[in-house]
Each structure stands twice: as C-alpha cells, then as structure tokens.
C-alpha atoms as a PDB file:
ATOM      1  CA  MET A   1     -58.740 -33.962 211.677  1.00  0.00           C
ATOM      2  CA  SER A   2     -62.468 -34.431 210.782  1.00  0.00           C
ATOM      3  CA  ARG A   3     -65.411 -33.875 212.699  1.00  0.00           C
ATOM      4  CA  PRO A   4     -68.455 -35.766 211.371  1.00  0.00           C
ATOM      5  CA  ILE A   5     -71.429 -33.830 209.782  1.00  0.00           C
ATOM      6  CA  ALA A   6     -73.994 -33.092 212.313  1.00  0.00           C
ATOM      7  CA  PRO A   7     -77.249 -31.613 210.169  1.00  0.00           C
ATOM      8  CA  THR A   8     -79.162 -30.224 213.505  1.00  0.00           C
ATOM      9  CA  ALA A   9     -76.143 -28.262 214.998  1.00  0.00           C
ATOM     10  CA  PRO A  10     -74.424 -25.361 213.569  1.00  0.00           C
ATOM     11  CA  PHE A  11     -71.330 -26.447 213.413  1.00  0.00           C
ATOM     12  CA  LEU A  12     -70.871 -28.780 210.771  1.00  0.00           C
ATOM     13  CA  TRP A  13     -67.325 -29.758 209.772  1.00  0.00           C
ATOM     14  CA  GLU A  14     -63.759 -28.697 210.507  1.00  0.00           C
ATOM     15  CA  ARG A  15     -60.554 -30.266 208.890  1.00  0.00           C
ATOM     16  CA  ALA A  16     -57.203 -29.124 210.085  1.00  0.00           C
ATOM     17  CA  PRO A  17     -54.663 -28.030 207.334  1.00  0.00           C
ATOM     18  CA  PRO A  18     -52.869 -31.338 205.942  1.00  0.00           C
ATOM     19  CA  THR A  19     -49.327 -29.469 206.617  1.00  0.00           C
ATOM     20  CA  GLY A  20     -48.403 -26.747 208.524  1.00  0.00           C
ATOM     21  CA  ASP A  21     -48.105 -24.098 205.595  1.00  0.00           C
ATOM     22  CA  CYS A  22     -51.716 -24.859 204.052  1.00  0.00           C
ATOM     23  CA  SER A  23     -54.165 -22.280 204.447  1.00  0.00           C
ATOM     24  CA  VAL A  24     -57.638 -22.729 205.929  1.00  0.00           C
ATOM     25  CA  VAL A  25     -61.274 -21.538 203.913  1.00  0.00           C
ATOM     26  CA  VAL A  26     -63.873 -20.913 206.275  1.00  0.00           C
ATOM     27  CA  VAL A  27     -67.260 -21.718 204.151  1.00  0.00           C
ATOM     28  CA  VAL A  28     -70.389 -20.628 205.723  1.00  0.00           C
ATOM     29  CA  ASP A  29     -74.271 -21.239 204.159  1.00  0.00           C
ATOM     30  CA  ASP A  30     -77.289 -22.066 206.270  1.00  0.00           C
ATOM     31  CA  ASP A  31     -78.141 -24.567 203.699  1.00  0.00           C
ATOM     32  CA  HIS A  32     -77.070 -27.635 205.207  1.00  0.00           C
ATOM     33  CA  ASP A  33     -77.089 -29.880 202.216  1.00  0.00           C
ATOM     34  CA  CYS A  34     -75.382 -27.368 200.228  1.00  0.00           C
ATOM     35  CA  LEU A  35     -72.975 -26.990 202.692  1.00  0.00           C
ATOM     36  CA  ALA A  36     -72.373 -30.644 203.006  1.00  0.00           C
ATOM     37  CA  GLU A  37     -72.110 -30.730 199.180  1.00  0.00           C
ATOM     38  CA  ILE A  38     -68.963 -27.921 199.398  1.00  0.00           C
ATOM     39  CA  CYS A  39     -67.151 -29.756 202.026  1.00  0.00           C
ATOM     40  CA  GLU A  40     -67.347 -33.045 199.779  1.00  0.00           C
ATOM     41  CA  LEU A  41     -65.950 -30.803 196.945  1.00  0.00           C
ATOM     42  CA  LEU A  42     -63.360 -28.555 198.814  1.00  0.00           C
ATOM     43  CA  GLY A  43     -62.215 -31.627 201.046  1.00  0.00           C
ATOM     44  CA  LEU A  44     -60.336 -33.170 197.719  1.00  0.00           C
ATOM     45  CA  LEU A  45     -57.860 -30.128 197.748  1.00  0.00           C
ATOM     46  CA  ASP A  46     -54.681 -29.308 199.937  1.00  0.00           C
ATOM     47  CA  ILE A  47     -56.253 -26.970 202.405  1.00  0.00           C
ATOM     48  CA  GLY A  48     -57.558 -26.688 205.676  1.00  0.00           C
ATOM     49  CA  LEU A  49     -61.613 -26.551 206.136  1.00  0.00           C
ATOM     50  CA  TYR A  50     -64.038 -24.585 208.737  1.00  0.00           C
ATOM     51  CA  ALA A  51     -67.384 -25.157 207.485  1.00  0.00           C
ATOM     52  CA  THR A  52     -70.444 -23.785 209.562  1.00  0.00           C
ATOM     53  CA  SER A  53     -73.991 -22.717 209.315  1.00  0.00           C
ATOM     54  CA  ASP A  54     -73.854 -19.808 211.527  1.00  0.00           C
ATOM     55  CA  ALA A  55     -72.426 -16.667 210.429  1.00  0.00           C
ATOM     56  CA  SER A  56     -71.173 -15.657 213.916  1.00  0.00           C
ATOM     57  CA  LEU A  57     -69.066 -18.909 214.376  1.00  0.00           C
ATOM     58  CA  ALA A  58     -67.743 -18.086 210.645  1.00  0.00           C
ATOM     59  CA  LEU A  59     -66.981 -14.458 211.532  1.00  0.00           C
ATOM     60  CA  GLN A  60     -65.068 -15.331 214.947  1.00  0.00           C
ATOM     61  CA  LYS A  61     -63.219 -18.342 213.175  1.00  0.00           C
ATOM     62  CA  ALA A  62     -61.977 -15.772 210.536  1.00  0.00           C
ATOM     63  CA  ILE A  63     -60.656 -12.860 212.893  1.00  0.00           C
ATOM     64  CA  MET A  64     -59.011 -15.391 215.409  1.00  0.00           C
ATOM     65  CA  ASP A  65     -57.487 -17.875 213.463  1.00  0.00           C
ATOM     66  CA  ARG A  66     -54.363 -16.211 211.369  1.00  0.00           C
ATOM     67  CA  ARG A  67     -54.078 -19.523 209.033  1.00  0.00           C
ATOM     68  CA  VAL A  68     -57.521 -18.485 207.389  1.00  0.00           C
ATOM     69  CA  ALA A  69     -57.145 -17.027 203.820  1.00  0.00           C
ATOM     70  CA  VAL A  70     -60.382 -17.523 202.392  1.00  0.00           C
ATOM     71  CA  VAL A  71     -63.714 -17.050 203.348  1.00  0.00           C
ATOM     72  CA  LEU A  72     -66.562 -18.321 201.141  1.00  0.00           C
ATOM     73  CA  ALA A  73     -69.972 -16.727 202.222  1.00  0.00           C
ATOM     74  CA  ASP A  74     -73.616 -17.474 200.624  1.00  0.00           C
ATOM     75  CA  LEU A  75     -75.343 -14.565 200.126  1.00  0.00           C
ATOM     76  CA  CYS A  76     -79.027 -15.080 201.783  1.00  0.00           C
ATOM     77  CA  MET A  77     -78.821 -16.632 205.045  1.00  0.00           C
ATOM     78  CA  SER A  78     -81.162 -16.430 207.546  1.00  0.00           C
ATOM     79  CA  ASP A  79     -78.919 -14.566 210.276  1.00  0.00           C
ATOM     80  CA  ARG A  80     -77.384 -12.092 208.373  1.00  0.00           C
ATOM     81  CA  SER A  81     -76.406 -11.699 204.376  1.00  0.00           C
ATOM     82  CA  GLY A  82     -73.072 -12.780 203.205  1.00  0.00           C
ATOM     83  CA  VAL A  83     -72.370  -9.294 202.126  1.00  0.00           C
ATOM     84  CA  SER A  84     -72.750  -7.922 205.717  1.00  0.00           C
ATOM     85  CA  LEU A  85     -70.307 -10.822 207.023  1.00  0.00           C
ATOM     86  CA  CYS A  86     -67.617  -9.581 204.446  1.00  0.00           C
ATOM     87  CA  ARG A  87     -68.144  -6.213 205.315  1.00  0.00           C
ATOM     88  CA  SER A  88     -67.686  -7.153 209.324  1.00  0.00           C
ATOM     89  CA  LEU A  89     -64.792  -8.994 207.868  1.00  0.00           C
ATOM     90  CA  ARG A  90     -63.152  -5.915 205.996  1.00  0.00           C
ATOM     91  CA  ASP A  91     -63.821  -3.494 209.123  1.00  0.00           C
ATOM     92  CA  ALA A  92     -62.482  -6.133 211.724  1.00  0.00           C
ATOM     93  CA  THR A  93     -59.208  -7.355 209.602  1.00  0.00           C
ATOM     94  CA  GLY A  94     -58.568  -4.774 207.265  1.00  0.00           C
ATOM     95  CA  ASP A  95     -54.732  -4.644 206.141  1.00  0.00           C
ATOM     96  CA  ARG A  96     -53.821  -6.674 209.028  1.00  0.00           C
ATOM     97  CA  HIS A  97     -54.878 -10.047 208.219  1.00  0.00           C
ATOM     98  CA  PRO A  98     -56.445  -9.427 204.481  1.00  0.00           C
ATOM     99  CA  LEU A  99     -58.878 -12.187 203.426  1.00  0.00           C
ATOM    100  CA  GLN A 100     -59.781 -13.196 200.188  1.00  0.00           C
ATOM    101  CA  LEU A 101     -63.528 -13.119 200.250  1.00  0.00           C
ATOM    102  CA  LEU A 102     -65.908 -15.278 197.438  1.00  0.00           C
ATOM    103  CA  ILE A 103     -69.965 -14.654 197.597  1.00  0.00           C
ATOM    104  CA  MET A 104     -71.943 -17.445 196.430  1.00  0.00           C
ATOM    105  CA  THR A 105     -75.721 -17.205 195.364  1.00  0.00           C
ATOM    106  CA  ALA A 106     -78.960 -18.573 193.846  1.00  0.00           C
ATOM    107  CA  PHE A 107     -80.215 -15.462 193.715  1.00  0.00           C
ATOM    108  CA  PRO A 108     -77.629 -12.306 191.894  1.00  0.00           C
ATOM    109  CA  SER A 109     -78.801  -8.897 192.282  1.00  0.00           C
ATOM    110  CA  LEU A 110     -77.528  -5.523 190.981  1.00  0.00           C
ATOM    111  CA  ASP A 111     -77.654  -3.941 194.457  1.00  0.00           C
ATOM    112  CA  SER A 112     -75.618  -6.888 196.289  1.00  0.00           C
ATOM    113  CA  SER A 113     -73.317  -7.305 193.640  1.00  0.00           C
ATOM    114  CA  LEU A 114     -72.177  -3.607 193.561  1.00  0.00           C
ATOM    115  CA  GLU A 115     -71.476  -3.800 197.385  1.00  0.00           C
ATOM    116  CA  ALA A 116     -69.618  -7.092 197.201  1.00  0.00           C
ATOM    117  CA  MET A 117     -67.316  -5.534 194.421  1.00  0.00           C
ATOM    118  CA  ARG A 118     -66.931  -2.213 196.725  1.00  0.00           C
ATOM    119  CA  LEU A 119     -65.689  -4.543 199.506  1.00  0.00           C
ATOM    120  CA  GLY A 120     -63.361  -6.154 197.116  1.00  0.00           C
ATOM    121  CA  VAL A 121     -65.006  -9.492 196.910  1.00  0.00           C
ATOM    122  CA  CYS A 122     -63.016 -11.579 194.464  1.00  0.00           C
ATOM    123  CA  ASP A 123     -65.219 -14.087 193.005  1.00  0.00           C
ATOM    124  CA  TYR A 124     -69.214 -13.786 192.675  1.00  0.00           C
ATOM    125  CA  LEU A 125     -70.331 -17.545 192.232  1.00  0.00           C
ATOM    126  CA  GLU A 126     -73.924 -18.579 191.068  1.00  0.00           C
ATOM    127  CA  LYS A 127     -75.688 -21.470 192.508  1.00  0.00           C
ATOM    128  CA  PRO A 128     -76.202 -24.401 191.915  1.00  0.00           C
ATOM    129  CA  ILE A 129     -72.744 -24.301 192.264  1.00  0.00           C
ATOM    130  CA  ASN A 130     -70.213 -25.592 189.067  1.00  0.00           C
ATOM    131  CA  VAL A 131     -67.548 -28.034 190.507  1.00  0.00           C
ATOM    132  CA  ALA A 132     -65.019 -26.912 188.383  1.00  0.00           C
ATOM    133  CA  ALA A 133     -65.755 -22.927 188.795  1.00  0.00           C
ATOM    134  CA  LEU A 134     -65.993 -23.586 192.628  1.00  0.00           C
ATOM    135  CA  ARG A 135     -62.380 -25.571 192.593  1.00  0.00           C
ATOM    136  CA  ASP A 136     -60.807 -22.795 190.223  1.00  0.00           C
ATOM    137  CA  ALA A 137     -61.900 -20.003 192.146  1.00  0.00           C
ATOM    138  CA  VAL A 138     -61.134 -21.214 195.442  1.00  0.00           C
ATOM    139  CA  LEU A 139     -57.789 -22.064 194.347  1.00  0.00           C
ATOM    140  CA  ARG A 140     -57.206 -18.618 192.925  1.00  0.00           C
ATOM    141  CA  ALA A 141     -58.122 -17.074 196.476  1.00  0.00           C
ATOM    142  CA  VAL A 142     -55.788 -19.169 198.207  1.00  0.00           C
ATOM    143  CA  GLY A 143     -52.957 -18.177 195.675  1.00  0.00           C
ATOM    144  CA  ARG A 144     -53.804 -14.492 196.200  1.00  0.00           C
ATOM    145  CA  GLY A 145     -53.926 -14.972 200.195  1.00  0.00           C
ATOM    146  CA  ARG A 146     -50.340 -16.381 200.300  1.00  0.00           C
ATOM    147  CA  GLN A 147     -49.130 -13.458 198.573  1.00  0.00           C
ATOM    148  CA  SER A 148     -47.896  -9.966 200.433  1.00  0.00           C
ATOM    149  CA  PRO A 149     -51.139  -8.091 200.948  1.00  0.00           C
ATOM    150  CA  SER A 150     -50.158  -5.184 198.108  1.00  0.00           C
ATOM    151  CA  ALA A 151     -49.521  -7.993 195.725  1.00  0.00           C
ATOM    152  CA  ALA A 152     -52.889  -9.854 196.443  1.00  0.00           C
ATOM    153  CA  ARG A 153     -54.915  -6.750 196.123  1.00  0.00           C
ATOM    154  CA  ASP A 154     -53.009  -6.129 192.610  1.00  0.00           C
ATOM    155  CA  THR A 155     -53.599  -9.381 191.158  1.00  0.00           C
ATOM    156  CA  ALA A 156     -57.289  -9.461 192.504  1.00  0.00           C
ATOM    157  CA  ALA A 157     -57.510  -5.959 190.749  1.00  0.00           C
ATOM    158  CA  ALA A 158     -55.549  -7.443 187.508  1.00  0.00           C
ATOM    159  CA  GLY A 159     -57.843 -10.345 187.183  1.00  0.00           C
ATOM    160  CA  ARG A 160     -60.895  -8.358 187.378  1.00  0.00           C
ATOM    161  CA  ALA A 161     -59.718  -5.536 185.004  1.00  0.00           C
ATOM    162  CA  GLN A 162     -58.525  -8.489 182.493  1.00  0.00           C
ATOM    163  CA  THR A 163     -61.973 -10.009 182.569  1.00  0.00           C
ATOM    164  CA  ALA A 164     -63.553  -6.779 181.984  1.00  0.00           C
ATOM    165  CA  LEU A 165     -61.475  -6.010 179.073  1.00  0.00           C
ATOM    166  CA  ASP A 166     -61.827  -9.334 177.347  1.00  0.00           C
ATOM    167  CA  VAL A 167     -65.285  -9.272 177.271  1.00  0.00           C
ATOM    168  CA  SER A 168     -65.896  -5.555 176.514  1.00  0.00           C
ATOM    169  CA  SER A 169     -63.551  -5.660 173.553  1.00  0.00           C
ATOM    170  CA  ALA A 170     -65.309  -8.447 172.143  1.00  0.00           C
ATOM    171  CA  GLY A 171     -68.733  -6.341 172.055  1.00  0.00           C
ATOM    172  CA  ALA A 172     -70.615  -8.318 174.274  1.00  0.00           C
ATOM    173  CA  PHE A 173     -72.072  -5.315 176.256  1.00  0.00           C
ATOM    174  CA  GLU A 174     -72.547  -1.409 175.671  1.00  0.00           C
ATOM    175  CA  ALA A 175     -71.662   0.757 179.319  1.00  0.00           C
ATOM    176  CA  LEU A 176     -75.274   1.705 180.316  1.00  0.00           C
ATOM    177  CA  PRO A 177     -75.829   5.475 179.795  1.00  0.00           C
ATOM    178  CA  GLY A 178     -74.653   7.655 183.114  1.00  0.00           C
ATOM    179  CA  ARG A 179     -72.739   4.613 184.396  1.00  0.00           C
ATOM    180  CA  GLY A 180     -69.249   6.219 183.348  1.00  0.00           C
ATOM    181  CA  GLY A 181     -68.467   3.078 181.520  1.00  0.00           C
ATOM    182  CA  PRO A 182     -67.492   0.189 183.724  1.00  0.00           C
ATOM    183  CA  PHE A 183     -68.125  -3.211 182.247  1.00  0.00           C
ATOM    184  CA  GLU A 184     -69.088  -4.755 185.455  1.00  0.00           C
ATOM    185  CA  ALA A 185     -72.205  -2.156 186.057  1.00  0.00           C
ATOM    186  CA  ALA A 186     -73.706  -2.696 182.512  1.00  0.00           C
ATOM    187  CA  ALA A 187     -73.346  -6.783 183.181  1.00  0.00           C
ATOM    188  CA  ILE A 188     -74.999  -6.802 186.350  1.00  0.00           C
ATOM    189  CA  GLU A 189     -77.581  -4.590 185.415  1.00  0.00           C
ATOM    190  CA  LEU A 190     -78.675  -6.894 182.385  1.00  0.00           C
ATOM    191  CA  LEU A 191     -78.358  -9.626 184.556  1.00  0.00           C
ATOM    192  CA  SER A 192     -80.812  -8.166 187.070  1.00  0.00           C
ATOM    193  CA  ARG A 193     -83.162  -7.547 184.653  1.00  0.00           C
ATOM    194  CA  LEU A 194     -83.043 -11.337 183.197  1.00  0.00           C
ATOM    195  CA  SER A 195     -83.363 -12.231 186.854  1.00  0.00           C
ATOM    196  CA  GLY A 196     -86.459  -9.916 187.084  1.00  0.00           C
ATOM    197  CA  GLU A 197     -87.953 -11.429 183.694  1.00  0.00           C
ATOM    198  CA  ARG A 198     -87.449 -15.015 185.100  1.00  0.00           C
ATOM    199  CA  CYS A 199     -88.773 -14.107 188.738  1.00  0.00           C
ATOM    200  CA  ARG A 200     -92.221 -12.525 187.083  1.00  0.00           C
ATOM    201  CA  ILE A 201     -92.831 -15.411 184.634  1.00  0.00           C
ATOM    202  CA  PHE A 202     -92.067 -18.215 187.086  1.00  0.00           C
ATOM    203  CA  ALA A 203     -93.458 -16.305 190.343  1.00  0.00           C
ATOM    204  CA  ASP A 204     -96.670 -18.897 190.554  1.00  0.00           C
ATOM    205  CA  TYR A 205     -94.195 -22.298 190.389  1.00  0.00           C
ATOM    206  CA  ALA A 206     -91.957 -21.647 192.754  1.00  0.00           C
ATOM    207  CA  CYS A 207     -89.006 -21.568 190.627  1.00  0.00           C
ATOM    208  CA  ASP A 208     -85.480 -20.577 191.789  1.00  0.00           C
ATOM    209  CA  GLU A 209     -82.642 -19.943 188.856  1.00  0.00           C
ATOM    210  CA  ALA A 210     -81.503 -23.742 189.279  1.00  0.00           C
ATOM    211  CA  ALA A 211     -85.035 -24.977 188.413  1.00  0.00           C
ATOM    212  CA  VAL A 212     -85.335 -22.747 185.292  1.00  0.00           C
ATOM    213  CA  SER A 213     -81.845 -23.851 184.380  1.00  0.00           C
ATOM    214  CA  ILE A 214     -82.767 -27.508 184.475  1.00  0.00           C
ATOM    215  CA  LEU A 215     -85.795 -26.626 182.422  1.00  0.00           C
ATOM    216  CA  LEU A 216     -84.185 -24.577 179.663  1.00  0.00           C
ATOM    217  CA  ASP A 217     -81.816 -27.652 179.381  1.00  0.00           C
ATOM    218  CA  VAL A 218     -84.634 -30.130 178.925  1.00  0.00           C
ATOM    219  CA  TYR A 219     -85.990 -27.573 176.404  1.00  0.00           C
ATOM    220  CA  LYS A 220     -83.087 -27.729 174.176  1.00  0.00           C
ATOM    221  CA  THR A 221     -82.635 -31.268 174.330  1.00  0.00           C
ATOM    222  CA  GLU A 222     -86.076 -31.803 172.868  1.00  0.00           C
ATOM    223  CA  LEU A 223     -85.417 -28.923 170.184  1.00  0.00           C
ATOM    224  CA  GLN A 224     -82.968 -31.491 169.109  1.00  0.00           C
ATOM    225  CA  ASN A 225     -85.392 -34.221 169.076  1.00  0.00           C
ATOM    226  CA  LYS A 226     -84.032 -35.974 171.987  1.00  0.00           C
ATOM    227  CA  LYS A 227     -84.944 -36.507 175.552  1.00  0.00           C
ATOM    228  CA  LEU A 228     -82.833 -35.605 178.444  1.00  0.00           C
ATOM    229  CA  SER A 229     -81.306 -38.037 180.839  1.00  0.00           C
ATOM    230  CA  VAL A 230     -80.880 -37.276 184.418  1.00  0.00           C
ATOM    231  CA  THR A 231     -77.172 -39.050 184.197  1.00  0.00           C
ATOM    232  CA  ALA A 232     -76.548 -36.590 181.132  1.00  0.00           C
ATOM    233  CA  PHE A 233     -77.734 -33.566 183.122  1.00  0.00           C
ATOM    234  CA  CYS A 234     -75.291 -34.368 185.922  1.00  0.00           C
ATOM    235  CA  VAL A 235     -72.429 -34.704 183.435  1.00  0.00           C
ATOM    236  CA  ILE A 236     -73.086 -31.558 181.593  1.00  0.00           C
ATOM    237  CA  ASN A 237     -73.641 -29.263 184.458  1.00  0.00           C
ATOM    238  CA  ASP A 238     -70.907 -31.057 187.014  1.00  0.00           C
ATOM    239  CA  VAL A 239     -73.494 -31.197 189.817  1.00  0.00           C
ATOM    240  CA  SER A 240     -74.027 -34.744 192.085  1.00  0.00           C
ATOM    241  CA  PRO A 241     -76.798 -36.688 191.584  1.00  0.00           C
ATOM    242  CA  SER A 242     -78.578 -36.146 194.593  1.00  0.00           C
ATOM    243  CA  THR A 243     -78.746 -32.391 193.750  1.00  0.00           C
ATOM    244  CA  ALA A 244     -79.609 -32.965 190.445  1.00  0.00           C
ATOM    245  CA  LEU A 245     -82.530 -35.412 191.352  1.00  0.00           C
ATOM    246  CA  ARG A 246     -83.752 -32.796 194.404  1.00  0.00           C
ATOM    247  CA  ARG A 247     -84.101 -29.936 191.686  1.00  0.00           C
ATOM    248  CA  ILE A 248     -85.580 -31.889 189.211  1.00  0.00           C
ATOM    249  CA  GLN A 249     -88.336 -33.612 191.618  1.00  0.00           C
ATOM    250  CA  ALA A 250     -89.143 -29.889 192.544  1.00  0.00           C
ATOM    251  CA  LEU A 251     -89.806 -29.328 188.904  1.00  0.00           C
ATOM    252  CA  VAL A 252     -92.140 -32.176 188.690  1.00  0.00           C
ATOM    253  CA  ASN A 253     -93.979 -31.462 191.513  1.00  0.00           C
ATOM    254  CA  ALA A 254     -94.655 -28.090 189.831  1.00  0.00           C
ATOM    255  CA  GLY A 255     -96.105 -29.829 186.956  1.00  0.00           C
ATOM    256  CA  LEU A 256     -93.243 -28.124 184.863  1.00  0.00           C
ATOM    257  CA  VAL A 257     -91.198 -31.400 183.775  1.00  0.00           C
ATOM    258  CA  GLU A 258     -92.093 -35.300 183.439  1.00  0.00           C
ATOM    259  CA  ARG A 259     -89.680 -38.040 184.338  1.00  0.00           C
ATOM    260  CA  GLU A 260     -90.262 -41.698 182.969  1.00  0.00           C
ATOM    261  CA  ASP A 261     -87.668 -44.667 182.895  1.00  0.00           C
ATOM    262  CA  ASP A 262     -85.707 -45.021 179.579  1.00  0.00           C
ATOM    263  CA  GLY A 263     -87.575 -48.259 177.708  1.00  0.00           C
ATOM    264  CA  THR A 264     -83.765 -49.423 176.140  1.00  0.00           C
ATOM    265  CA  ASP A 265     -82.450 -48.992 179.897  1.00  0.00           C
ATOM    266  CA  ARG A 266     -84.286 -48.975 183.157  1.00  0.00           C
ATOM    267  CA  ARG A 267     -81.276 -47.686 184.990  1.00  0.00           C
ATOM    268  CA  ARG A 268     -81.553 -44.116 183.053  1.00  0.00           C
ATOM    269  CA  SER A 269     -84.800 -41.638 183.986  1.00  0.00           C
ATOM    270  CA  LEU A 270     -85.604 -39.608 180.922  1.00  0.00           C
ATOM    271  CA  LEU A 271     -86.937 -35.852 181.120  1.00  0.00           C
ATOM    272  CA  SER A 272     -89.364 -34.037 179.136  1.00  0.00           C
ATOM    273  CA  THR A 273     -90.960 -30.924 179.521  1.00  0.00           C
ATOM    274  CA  THR A 274     -94.955 -30.569 179.972  1.00  0.00           C
ATOM    275  CA  PRO A 275     -97.101 -28.256 177.940  1.00  0.00           C
ATOM    276  CA  ILE A 276     -97.056 -25.830 180.774  1.00  0.00           C
ATOM    277  CA  GLY A 277     -93.430 -26.134 181.282  1.00  0.00           C
ATOM    278  CA  GLN A 278     -92.895 -25.402 177.360  1.00  0.00           C
ATOM    279  CA  GLU A 279     -95.210 -22.384 177.700  1.00  0.00           C
ATOM    280  CA  LEU A 280     -93.337 -20.945 179.915  1.00  0.00           C
ATOM    281  CA  VAL A 281     -89.914 -21.405 178.421  1.00  0.00           C
ATOM    282  CA  GLN A 282     -91.210 -19.658 175.538  1.00  0.00           C
ATOM    283  CA  ARG A 283     -92.729 -16.642 177.463  1.00  0.00           C
ATOM    284  CA  TYR A 284     -89.135 -16.535 179.214  1.00  0.00           C
ATOM    285  CA  LEU A 285     -87.523 -16.750 175.823  1.00  0.00           C
ATOM    286  CA  GLY A 286     -89.181 -14.023 174.231  1.00  0.00           C
ATOM    287  CA  ALA A 287     -88.742 -12.094 177.375  1.00  0.00           C
ATOM    288  CA  ILE A 288     -84.969 -12.244 176.985  1.00  0.00           C
ATOM    289  CA  ALA A 289     -84.967 -11.383 173.363  1.00  0.00           C
ATOM    290  CA  GLN A 290     -87.166  -8.149 174.407  1.00  0.00           C
ATOM    291  CA  THR A 291     -84.209  -7.226 176.816  1.00  0.00           C
ATOM    292  CA  LEU A 292     -81.474  -7.958 174.875  1.00  0.00           C
ATOM    293  CA  GLY A 293     -82.561  -5.144 172.279  1.00  0.00           C
ATOM    294  CA  PRO A 294     -81.231  -2.251 170.991  1.00  0.00           C
ATOM    295  CA  GLY A 295     -79.330  -0.605 173.389  1.00  0.00           C
ATOM    296  CA  THR A 296     -78.197  -3.260 175.602  1.00  0.00           C
ATOM    297  CA  THR A 297     -76.430  -5.165 172.905  1.00  0.00           C
ATOM    298  CA  ARG A 298     -74.199  -4.782 169.806  1.00  0.00           C
END
C-alpha cells in the first residue's frame, strides 16, 4: 500500500513489500525533494519501502520491524546526523537484527567517512545521487541482508577489501605517512583535501559539490568548442530534469553559468560558463593539480 507524499509532514511514504519474503528498505533524509526523488527511483525495485524525513521515526521503524534489512540515511540532517543514527542502530540491534547501513551525502569529510567505516557502513554514496549507483548499492545491501549474519559480514568485508586491492594495486594512491597503509584512509584524506579546496574557492558563491560538478561539466564541454545542453547533462549524469534544473538555476543566480535557448531547437537549453565561472574553474583545477602533487599520487 502506498501513501501519497506530504511535504509538510515528517512521514513521507510507505510501501509494503510486494511479497512476504521481500526486504524493507528505510530511507531517511530531511531534504523532501531529494527524499521524493529517491522514493521514485527505489519504487521500481522489488522491495518494501519506508521513507521519512524524521530520523527518530526511521530509528523506530528499523528497530521494531524485523523485515527491515537496509537503512539509507543522509549524513547531515537537522535533528541528528546519519552517522549518529547508524551508531544508535548498531547499539540497539547488534547481531540480533543485523542491518545493512548506507550513508549518502553532498559533503563528504574525513571524520565522518572514518566513523562510518568503523560502524560497518557498507556504502558511502555522494550526492547528487547517481541512479545506477543507488540502485546497485541498495540491491547489494538487500542481498547481504538476506544472508546469515556471519556471511553478510564476510561478504561486505570482502567487497571493501577487493575494492581497496584493485585500486591500490593499480597505483592510484600511496598510503599516507603514519597511517599504517589502508587504502581507505588515504583515499578519504585526499577527498577531504579536495573538498576543502572546493569550499575555499567557491565560498563566496554558495556552491556545493553538486553545483561545482555541473560547472566542471559545462567547462569541459566548452574546451571541445561545444555547449552542453540541459538534456545531455541529465543523460550523462543520470539525474532527473527537475533536479538538474534546480541546480543549474542556482549557478545562473550565482552568475557562474548562462542559459540560452538553442537556436536550432527551441525545446533545448544550452549552458555556458561566464567569465567569473571560468576563472573559478581554472583556480579550482590549479588547486587540484597542486594537491595531486608528489607524495599523493604516483
């Protein structure tokens, strides 16, 4: 049974499992637009779904409903953090009702990433949410949730270890001095540095990671003497038009991107960077090049 989304209420949507043996996925995010979009995407899967903007309701549901196998939580919420929610779930359920935990965020940080790993979070998804990545992460988590507790832990650990082995053996990163060598710590440290540079350079323009990603896509297309259309951006990044338009308009309002009608097809809009947008991208790319210097990559 589905309930209509009600933006003013903390509870947004519930759908019972299609069959008796299906798992339930709990999703919690205080961004109602993002939550509605995730409900739309996960609603296509053969799972039960419970979505809410209230972390307390999500916690209660996950603890009380034995059908719940996966919890997907936003990192930064007004009432509590996703990491805090995962910690409470671990404390409350332990091995009696092992849950697969996933975190999503537009603001990855070193501390939160390390804490998430310590809590056994099996996937750390970045916003804007990639449709394929979200679907695959949830299906993997549901599959682990149907295993025995020990097998699920082994599968999750093997997956994280294999990912680290594949990337580190390819020579993408070196271990940081004094870190003891785990790939995850080195990778997260690098991401933290890059995130810090982004925040510093775009601080006056209220650009989050998603907005900077759009700006980089527009700039990259211009290097090929082309202009990026809104439709092409949605296809390339696998995001909905409503989400793309909301983020593009924020860049237009900040004076970093211009949007114009396509002269050959008025149904399409084309994007281009403004002089200010170009300058900020060039400064950001320069900062990235400096961060990825000797001692960080090889």
